[in-house]
Amino acid sequence: TGSVQGVFYRASTFEKAQGLNLLGWVKNLPGNSVEIVAEGPRYSLEELVAWAKVGPPDAVVDTCDVVWKEYVGQLRTFSIEY
């Protein structure tokens, strides 16, 4: 949550996730927040979480809640959801 919409947060997340070979998606939610769902190696996920806490240059991230779940293996790409 924070100033994460209208600052290329989703596009930057997409690029970061692809660079880390992660699968999943990112989308805007109501209330100035963004949701990221990602699957991949734990070290890559941890790097994405660290990045998400800061975001792209124009973002101001107030909070970053992380929920870890068991690997499901249903995702095939990383995409921006609208």
Protein backbone atom coordinates (compact mmCIF):
# COMPACT_ATOMS: atom_id res chain seq x y z
CA THR A 1 0.00 0.00 0.00
CA GLY A 2 0.97 3.63 -0.40
CA SER A 3 1.64 5.74 -3.47
CA VAL A 4 1.94 2.70 -5.73
CA GLN A 5 -0.57 3.43 -8.49
CA GLY A 6 0.24 5.68 -11.42
CA VAL A 7 3.98 5.33 -10.82
CA PHE A 8 4.71 2.29 -13.03
CA TYR A 9 4.70 -0.07 -10.05
CA ARG A 10 2.99 -2.88 -11.98
CA ALA A 11 5.22 -2.50 -15.03
CA SER A 12 8.33 -2.38 -12.85
CA THR A 13 7.16 -5.43 -10.89
CA PHE A 14 6.62 -7.26 -14.18
CA GLU A 15 10.19 -6.48 -15.30
CA LYS A 16 11.67 -7.43 -11.92
CA ALA A 17 9.72 -10.71 -11.76
CA GLN A 18 10.71 -11.65 -15.31
CA GLY A 19 14.34 -10.91 -14.50
CA LEU A 20 14.04 -13.29 -11.54
CA ASN A 21 12.30 -15.97 -13.66
CA LEU A 22 9.20 -15.86 -11.46
CA LEU A 23 5.67 -16.81 -12.48
CA GLY A 24 2.52 -15.04 -11.35
CA TRP A 25 0.82 -11.70 -11.70
CA VAL A 26 0.53 -8.15 -10.36
CA LYS A 27 -2.60 -6.01 -10.21
CA ASN A 28 -3.95 -2.79 -8.75
CA LEU A 29 -6.44 -3.07 -5.90
CA PRO A 30 -8.82 -0.45 -4.51
CA GLY A 31 -7.38 1.80 -1.83
CA ASN A 32 -3.97 2.61 -3.32
CA SER A 33 -2.59 -0.87 -3.11
CA VAL A 34 -1.07 -3.44 -5.41
CA GLU A 35 -1.22 -7.23 -5.10
CA ILE A 36 1.56 -9.51 -6.32
CA VAL A 37 1.25 -13.28 -6.56
CA ALA A 38 4.45 -15.07 -7.50
CA GLU A 39 5.92 -18.57 -7.64
CA GLY A 40 9.51 -19.59 -8.02
CA PRO A 41 12.67 -20.30 -6.06
CA ARG A 42 12.63 -18.98 -2.49
CA TYR A 43 15.72 -16.79 -3.02
CA SER A 44 14.10 -15.13 -6.06
CA LEU A 45 10.86 -14.58 -4.15
CA GLU A 46 12.78 -13.02 -1.27
CA GLU A 47 14.51 -10.68 -3.72
CA LEU A 48 11.13 -9.67 -5.19
CA VAL A 49 9.76 -9.02 -1.68
CA ALA A 50 12.77 -6.82 -0.83
CA TRP A 51 12.27 -4.90 -4.07
CA ALA A 52 8.48 -4.58 -3.50
CA LYS A 53 9.09 -2.86 -0.15
CA VAL A 54 10.74 -0.01 -2.07
CA GLY A 55 9.27 -0.25 -5.58
CA PRO A 56 10.18 1.90 -8.57
CA PRO A 57 11.69 5.39 -8.13
CA ASP A 58 8.40 7.36 -7.98
CA ALA A 59 6.63 4.96 -5.60
CA VAL A 60 6.21 5.47 -1.87
CA VAL A 61 5.51 2.13 -0.21
CA ASP A 62 3.87 2.46 3.21
CA THR A 63 3.31 -1.21 3.99
CA CYS A 64 4.19 -4.52 2.38
CA ASP A 65 2.36 -7.53 3.76
CA VAL A 66 3.79 -10.90 2.75
CA VAL A 67 1.97 -14.23 2.91
CA TRP A 68 3.98 -17.38 2.15
CA LYS A 69 2.07 -20.40 0.84
CA GLU A 70 2.93 -23.84 -0.47
CA TYR A 71 4.00 -24.06 -4.11
CA VAL A 72 1.02 -24.92 -6.32
CA GLY A 73 2.59 -24.92 -9.79
CA GLN A 74 -0.46 -23.57 -11.65
CA LEU A 75 1.13 -20.39 -13.01
CA ARG A 76 2.77 -20.39 -16.45
CA THR A 77 3.92 -16.79 -17.02
CA PHE A 78 4.17 -13.49 -15.16
CA SER A 79 1.55 -10.97 -16.25
CA ILE A 80 0.00 -7.61 -15.44
CA GLU A 81 -3.67 -8.08 -14.56
CA TYR A 82 -6.17 -5.32 -15.30
